[in-house]
Amino acid sequence: MLTPSRRASGFSLIELMVTISLIAMLLTLGVPAFGKWAADAGTRGTAEQLATALRLAQSTAITHNRTTMFALTDAVPAYNAKAVANGSNWFISLLPSALSGETASSSDLIQAVTFARQNHVSLTGPAVVCFDALGQLVGMSDSSTGLSAPCSLPADGSGGLIPYTVSRLEATRQFRVLVNRGGRIRMCDAAKKLADAPDGCP
């Protein structure tokens, strides 16, 4: 007596090809969205690190009762690296006391960061900002900083703010870190207005 044949367990070639085609389609749709999400996350993370670094420079100035500078650079960050506006790295360093006759040394370096370059993020902002012992922005000449760049103060018509802009070509969002002349540091979303959202920019 003949018994009905049983189908072998597993997938047929057609079922396997359909499954692979569906996975490929889903990946094709999902990769661009994931790329934008990753770019936005990297941009936001860099902006948060930048705000934290500026607060560190400010608190170090207060703690040590000495002027501290935050500087952008395109070089390897070090206490004597060349400071440039819109640099992709940054460093924080104590400035030598003018009254004591001290000179700058590597022991004055507080932080050296390449975070923006690692995340392929662009920074736009002044080369150097300095905080005094009260945690407020202070203007100093390039000879005082020793970096061929002076400590910047807010420009006229800026509302007393120094802006740093953090952006990335692939990202859909842009962030700003604002430093108030009095020392307040705040991160905001450039696409939002402060009047409409608490994380918006003025």
C-alpha atoms as a PDB file:
ATOM      1  CA  MET A   1       0.000   0.000   0.000  1.00  0.00           C
ATOM      2  CA  LEU A   2       1.283   3.411  -0.936  1.00  0.00           C
ATOM      3  CA  THR A   3       1.635   6.013   1.782  1.00  0.00           C
ATOM      4  CA  PRO A   4       1.465   9.740   1.062  1.00  0.00           C
ATOM      5  CA  SER A   5       4.918  11.298   0.871  1.00  0.00           C
ATOM      6  CA  ARG A   6       5.798  13.830   3.516  1.00  0.00           C
ATOM      7  CA  ARG A   7       7.357  17.141   2.549  1.00  0.00           C
ATOM      8  CA  ALA A   8      10.906  17.592   3.823  1.00  0.00           C
ATOM      9  CA  SER A   9      11.130  20.094   6.649  1.00  0.00           C
ATOM     10  CA  GLY A  10      12.807  23.432   5.945  1.00  0.00           C
ATOM     11  CA  PHE A  11      12.435  26.217   3.385  1.00  0.00           C
ATOM     12  CA  SER A  12      12.107  25.865  -0.321  1.00  0.00           C
ATOM     13  CA  LEU A  13      14.386  27.941  -2.529  1.00  0.00           C
ATOM     14  CA  ILE A  14      11.501  30.251  -3.442  1.00  0.00           C
ATOM     15  CA  GLU A  15      10.577  30.870   0.215  1.00  0.00           C
ATOM     16  CA  LEU A  16      14.219  31.606   1.020  1.00  0.00           C
ATOM     17  CA  MET A  17      14.552  34.097  -1.862  1.00  0.00           C
ATOM     18  CA  VAL A  18      11.327  35.892  -0.853  1.00  0.00           C
ATOM     19  CA  THR A  19      12.558  36.171   2.754  1.00  0.00           C
ATOM     20  CA  ILE A  20      15.949  37.529   1.682  1.00  0.00           C
ATOM     21  CA  SER A  21      14.271  40.022  -0.675  1.00  0.00           C
ATOM     22  CA  LEU A  22      12.026  41.305   2.132  1.00  0.00           C
ATOM     23  CA  ILE A  23      14.981  41.713   4.512  1.00  0.00           C
ATOM     24  CA  ALA A  24      16.924  43.569   1.809  1.00  0.00           C
ATOM     25  CA  MET A  25      13.967  45.905   1.191  1.00  0.00           C
ATOM     26  CA  LEU A  26      13.570  46.655   4.897  1.00  0.00           C
ATOM     27  CA  LEU A  27      17.297  47.354   5.245  1.00  0.00           C
ATOM     28  CA  THR A  28      17.219  49.664   2.212  1.00  0.00           C
ATOM     29  CA  LEU A  29      14.396  51.654   3.776  1.00  0.00           C
ATOM     30  CA  GLY A  30      15.900  51.672   7.258  1.00  0.00           C
ATOM     31  CA  VAL A  31      19.571  52.536   6.587  1.00  0.00           C
ATOM     32  CA  PRO A  32      19.041  56.211   5.564  1.00  0.00           C
ATOM     33  CA  ALA A  33      16.790  56.809   8.576  1.00  0.00           C
ATOM     34  CA  PHE A  34      19.331  55.180  10.875  1.00  0.00           C
ATOM     35  CA  GLY A  35      22.120  57.275   9.316  1.00  0.00           C
ATOM     36  CA  LYS A  36      20.228  60.503  10.039  1.00  0.00           C
ATOM     37  CA  TRP A  37      19.422  59.344  13.562  1.00  0.00           C
ATOM     38  CA  ALA A  38      23.108  58.546  14.193  1.00  0.00           C
ATOM     39  CA  ALA A  39      24.178  61.944  12.782  1.00  0.00           C
ATOM     40  CA  ASP A  40      21.640  63.752  14.990  1.00  0.00           C
ATOM     41  CA  ALA A  41      22.761  61.777  18.053  1.00  0.00           C
ATOM     42  CA  GLY A  42      26.431  62.564  17.345  1.00  0.00           C
ATOM     43  CA  THR A  43      25.636  66.249  16.904  1.00  0.00           C
ATOM     44  CA  ARG A  44      23.643  66.413  20.131  1.00  0.00           C
ATOM     45  CA  GLY A  45      26.286  64.438  22.041  1.00  0.00           C
ATOM     46  CA  THR A  46      29.016  66.815  20.859  1.00  0.00           C
ATOM     47  CA  ALA A  47      26.935  69.854  21.857  1.00  0.00           C
ATOM     48  CA  GLU A  48      26.415  68.364  25.329  1.00  0.00           C
ATOM     49  CA  GLN A  49      30.161  67.657  25.647  1.00  0.00           C
ATOM     50  CA  LEU A  50      30.932  71.221  24.540  1.00  0.00           C
ATOM     51  CA  ALA A  51      28.561  72.701  27.133  1.00  0.00           C
ATOM     52  CA  THR A  52      30.086  70.450  29.813  1.00  0.00           C
ATOM     53  CA  ALA A  53      33.610  71.519  28.804  1.00  0.00           C
ATOM     54  CA  LEU A  54      32.712  75.206  29.020  1.00  0.00           C
ATOM     55  CA  ARG A  55      31.220  74.635  32.485  1.00  0.00           C
ATOM     56  CA  LEU A  56      34.402  72.803  33.478  1.00  0.00           C
ATOM     57  CA  ALA A  57      36.498  75.778  32.351  1.00  0.00           C
ATOM     58  CA  GLN A  58      34.237  78.080  34.363  1.00  0.00           C
ATOM     59  CA  SER A  59      34.275  75.972  37.547  1.00  0.00           C
ATOM     60  CA  THR A  60      38.057  75.496  37.297  1.00  0.00           C
ATOM     61  CA  ALA A  61      38.526  79.274  37.198  1.00  0.00           C
ATOM     62  CA  ILE A  62      36.413  79.654  40.330  1.00  0.00           C
ATOM     63  CA  THR A  63      38.066  76.741  42.160  1.00  0.00           C
ATOM     64  CA  HIS A  64      41.646  77.812  41.394  1.00  0.00           C
ATOM     65  CA  ASN A  65      40.925  81.546  41.622  1.00  0.00           C
ATOM     66  CA  ARG A  66      42.701  81.953  38.279  1.00  0.00           C
ATOM     67  CA  THR A  67      41.623  82.850  34.777  1.00  0.00           C
ATOM     68  CA  THR A  68      40.898  79.780  32.673  1.00  0.00           C
ATOM     69  CA  MET A  69      40.666  79.633  28.909  1.00  0.00           C
ATOM     70  CA  PHE A  70      38.628  77.404  26.644  1.00  0.00           C
ATOM     71  CA  ALA A  71      40.152  77.226  23.155  1.00  0.00           C
ATOM     72  CA  LEU A  72      39.241  75.621  19.835  1.00  0.00           C
ATOM     73  CA  THR A  73      42.045  74.173  17.725  1.00  0.00           C
ATOM     74  CA  ASP A  74      42.578  72.105  14.598  1.00  0.00           C
ATOM     75  CA  ALA A  75      45.831  70.757  16.006  1.00  0.00           C
ATOM     76  CA  VAL A  76      46.344  68.038  18.592  1.00  0.00           C
ATOM     77  CA  PRO A  77      44.874  69.704  21.705  1.00  0.00           C
ATOM     78  CA  ALA A  78      47.585  70.789  24.149  1.00  0.00           C
ATOM     79  CA  TYR A  79      48.163  73.727  26.494  1.00  0.00           C
ATOM     80  CA  ASN A  80      50.103  75.561  23.754  1.00  0.00           C
ATOM     81  CA  ALA A  81      48.203  74.381  20.639  1.00  0.00           C
ATOM     82  CA  LYS A  82      47.344  77.020  18.074  1.00  0.00           C
ATOM     83  CA  ALA A  83      43.865  78.368  18.791  1.00  0.00           C
ATOM     84  CA  VAL A  84      41.627  78.905  15.763  1.00  0.00           C
ATOM     85  CA  ALA A  85      38.028  79.947  15.314  1.00  0.00           C
ATOM     86  CA  ASN A  86      35.772  77.074  14.208  1.00  0.00           C
ATOM     87  CA  GLY A  87      38.349  74.451  15.232  1.00  0.00           C
ATOM     88  CA  SER A  88      37.368  70.783  15.437  1.00  0.00           C
ATOM     89  CA  ASN A  89      39.076  70.024  18.794  1.00  0.00           C
ATOM     90  CA  TRP A  90      39.259  71.912  22.077  1.00  0.00           C
ATOM     91  CA  PHE A  91      41.289  72.252  25.228  1.00  0.00           C
ATOM     92  CA  ILE A  92      40.989  73.938  28.604  1.00  0.00           C
ATOM     93  CA  SER A  93      43.977  75.450  30.340  1.00  0.00           C
ATOM     94  CA  LEU A  94      44.743  77.676  33.304  1.00  0.00           C
ATOM     95  CA  LEU A  95      46.385  80.956  32.396  1.00  0.00           C
ATOM     96  CA  PRO A  96      49.574  81.872  34.265  1.00  0.00           C
ATOM     97  CA  SER A  97      49.117  84.543  36.905  1.00  0.00           C
ATOM     98  CA  ALA A  98      50.387  87.860  35.550  1.00  0.00           C
ATOM     99  CA  LEU A  99      51.462  89.012  39.020  1.00  0.00           C
ATOM    100  CA  SER A 100      53.572  85.958  39.847  1.00  0.00           C
ATOM    101  CA  GLY A 101      55.621  85.933  36.654  1.00  0.00           C
ATOM    102  CA  GLU A 102      54.592  82.323  35.925  1.00  0.00           C
ATOM    103  CA  THR A 103      54.890  80.895  32.429  1.00  0.00           C
ATOM    104  CA  ALA A 104      52.489  78.477  30.768  1.00  0.00           C
ATOM    105  CA  SER A 105      53.287  74.791  31.175  1.00  0.00           C
ATOM    106  CA  SER A 106      51.718  71.409  30.469  1.00  0.00           C
ATOM    107  CA  SER A 107      50.654  71.166  34.126  1.00  0.00           C
ATOM    108  CA  ASP A 108      48.134  73.946  33.410  1.00  0.00           C
ATOM    109  CA  LEU A 109      46.228  71.743  30.940  1.00  0.00           C
ATOM    110  CA  ILE A 110      42.841  70.734  32.363  1.00  0.00           C
ATOM    111  CA  GLN A 111      41.214  68.945  29.419  1.00  0.00           C
ATOM    112  CA  ALA A 112      42.088  68.043  25.805  1.00  0.00           C
ATOM    113  CA  VAL A 113      39.275  66.723  23.582  1.00  0.00           C
ATOM    114  CA  THR A 114      38.893  65.475  19.991  1.00  0.00           C
ATOM    115  CA  PHE A 115      35.218  64.554  20.416  1.00  0.00           C
ATOM    116  CA  ALA A 116      33.902  66.760  17.592  1.00  0.00           C
ATOM    117  CA  ARG A 117      36.399  65.398  15.077  1.00  0.00           C
ATOM    118  CA  GLN A 118      35.574  61.828  16.094  1.00  0.00           C
ATOM    119  CA  ASN A 119      31.869  62.469  15.470  1.00  0.00           C
ATOM    120  CA  HIS A 120      32.539  64.293  12.146  1.00  0.00           C
ATOM    121  CA  VAL A 121      30.839  67.359  13.606  1.00  0.00           C
ATOM    122  CA  SER A 122      31.616  70.986  12.708  1.00  0.00           C
ATOM    123  CA  LEU A 123      32.038  73.610  15.429  1.00  0.00           C
ATOM    124  CA  THR A 124      31.528  77.295  14.698  1.00  0.00           C
ATOM    125  CA  GLY A 125      32.617  79.770  17.340  1.00  0.00           C
ATOM    126  CA  PRO A 126      35.405  82.013  18.602  1.00  0.00           C
ATOM    127  CA  ALA A 127      38.940  80.684  19.032  1.00  0.00           C
ATOM    128  CA  VAL A 128      39.199  81.465  22.770  1.00  0.00           C
ATOM    129  CA  VAL A 129      36.886  82.402  25.626  1.00  0.00           C
ATOM    130  CA  CYS A 130      38.169  83.037  29.134  1.00  0.00           C
ATOM    131  CA  PHE A 131      36.534  82.867  32.545  1.00  0.00           C
ATOM    132  CA  ASP A 132      37.719  84.904  35.524  1.00  0.00           C
ATOM    133  CA  ALA A 133      37.734  83.848  39.174  1.00  0.00           C
ATOM    134  CA  LEU A 134      34.050  84.830  39.429  1.00  0.00           C
ATOM    135  CA  GLY A 135      33.119  82.531  36.532  1.00  0.00           C
ATOM    136  CA  GLN A 136      32.340  85.403  34.183  1.00  0.00           C
ATOM    137  CA  LEU A 137      33.634  85.991  30.673  1.00  0.00           C
ATOM    138  CA  VAL A 138      36.673  88.218  30.561  1.00  0.00           C
ATOM    139  CA  GLY A 139      38.478  89.814  27.630  1.00  0.00           C
ATOM    140  CA  MET A 140      42.235  89.367  27.373  1.00  0.00           C
ATOM    141  CA  SER A 141      44.813  90.126  24.693  1.00  0.00           C
ATOM    142  CA  ASP A 142      46.513  87.468  22.600  1.00  0.00           C
ATOM    143  CA  SER A 143      49.777  88.164  24.411  1.00  0.00           C
ATOM    144  CA  SER A 144      48.058  87.263  27.690  1.00  0.00           C
ATOM    145  CA  THR A 145      46.691  83.973  26.359  1.00  0.00           C
ATOM    146  CA  GLY A 146      49.958  83.060  24.666  1.00  0.00           C
ATOM    147  CA  LEU A 147      47.984  81.531  21.783  1.00  0.00           C
ATOM    148  CA  SER A 148      48.056  84.405  19.241  1.00  0.00           C
ATOM    149  CA  ALA A 149      44.304  84.722  19.816  1.00  0.00           C
ATOM    150  CA  PRO A 150      42.555  86.997  22.325  1.00  0.00           C
ATOM    151  CA  CYS A 151      39.766  86.002  24.702  1.00  0.00           C
ATOM    152  CA  SER A 152      36.525  86.901  22.931  1.00  0.00           C
ATOM    153  CA  LEU A 153      33.648  88.818  24.454  1.00  0.00           C
ATOM    154  CA  PRO A 154      30.078  88.998  23.107  1.00  0.00           C
ATOM    155  CA  ALA A 155      29.770  91.213  20.038  1.00  0.00           C
ATOM    156  CA  ASP A 156      27.532  94.258  19.982  1.00  0.00           C
ATOM    157  CA  GLY A 157      23.953  93.315  19.155  1.00  0.00           C
ATOM    158  CA  SER A 158      24.456  89.696  20.280  1.00  0.00           C
ATOM    159  CA  GLY A 159      22.360  90.075  23.410  1.00  0.00           C
ATOM    160  CA  GLY A 160      25.470  89.536  25.541  1.00  0.00           C
ATOM    161  CA  LEU A 161      25.909  85.982  24.209  1.00  0.00           C
ATOM    162  CA  ILE A 162      28.783  84.123  22.586  1.00  0.00           C
ATOM    163  CA  PRO A 163      27.325  81.357  20.394  1.00  0.00           C
ATOM    164  CA  TYR A 164      28.948  78.064  19.474  1.00  0.00           C
ATOM    165  CA  THR A 165      27.121  76.204  16.705  1.00  0.00           C
ATOM    166  CA  VAL A 166      27.364  72.419  16.451  1.00  0.00           C
ATOM    167  CA  SER A 167      26.314  70.872  13.129  1.00  0.00           C
ATOM    168  CA  ARG A 168      26.890  67.945  10.811  1.00  0.00           C
ATOM    169  CA  LEU A 169      26.205  67.665   7.099  1.00  0.00           C
ATOM    170  CA  GLU A 170      24.092  64.490   7.377  1.00  0.00           C
ATOM    171  CA  ALA A 171      22.199  65.624  10.488  1.00  0.00           C
ATOM    172  CA  THR A 172      18.694  67.077  10.435  1.00  0.00           C
ATOM    173  CA  ARG A 173      19.257  69.002  13.683  1.00  0.00           C
ATOM    174  CA  GLN A 174      21.685  71.727  14.695  1.00  0.00           C
ATOM    175  CA  PHE A 175      22.497  72.787  18.234  1.00  0.00           C
ATOM    176  CA  ARG A 176      23.948  75.892  19.825  1.00  0.00           C
ATOM    177  CA  VAL A 177      25.812  76.371  23.075  1.00  0.00           C
ATOM    178  CA  LEU A 178      25.391  79.925  24.330  1.00  0.00           C
ATOM    179  CA  VAL A 179      27.732  81.580  26.828  1.00  0.00           C
ATOM    180  CA  ASN A 180      26.360  84.634  28.596  1.00  0.00           C
ATOM    181  CA  ARG A 181      28.761  87.425  29.553  1.00  0.00           C
ATOM    182  CA  GLY A 182      27.806  86.836  33.178  1.00  0.00           C
ATOM    183  CA  GLY A 183      28.789  83.157  32.895  1.00  0.00           C
ATOM    184  CA  ARG A 184      25.517  81.345  32.180  1.00  0.00           C
ATOM    185  CA  ILE A 185      26.019  78.435  29.756  1.00  0.00           C
ATOM    186  CA  ARG A 186      23.067  76.921  27.927  1.00  0.00           C
ATOM    187  CA  MET A 187      22.532  74.422  25.109  1.00  0.00           C
ATOM    188  CA  CYS A 188      19.590  74.904  22.747  1.00  0.00           C
ATOM    189  CA  ASP A 189      18.047  73.428  19.599  1.00  0.00           C
ATOM    190  CA  ALA A 190      18.598  75.859  16.706  1.00  0.00           C
ATOM    191  CA  ALA A 191      15.358  74.779  14.996  1.00  0.00           C
ATOM    192  CA  LYS A 192      13.225  75.862  17.956  1.00  0.00           C
ATOM    193  CA  LYS A 193      12.442  79.284  19.369  1.00  0.00           C
ATOM    194  CA  LEU A 194      12.751  79.893  23.098  1.00  0.00           C
ATOM    195  CA  ALA A 195       9.289  81.479  23.087  1.00  0.00           C
ATOM    196  CA  ASP A 196       7.795  78.184  21.874  1.00  0.00           C
ATOM    197  CA  ALA A 197       9.949  75.536  23.615  1.00  0.00           C
ATOM    198  CA  PRO A 198      12.127  75.481  26.731  1.00  0.00           C
ATOM    199  CA  ASP A 199      15.042  73.981  24.749  1.00  0.00           C
ATOM    200  CA  GLY A 200      14.736  76.574  21.971  1.00  0.00           C
ATOM    201  CA  CYS A 201      17.272  79.272  21.144  1.00  0.00           C
ATOM    202  CA  PRO A 202      16.621  82.989  21.695  1.00  0.00           C
END
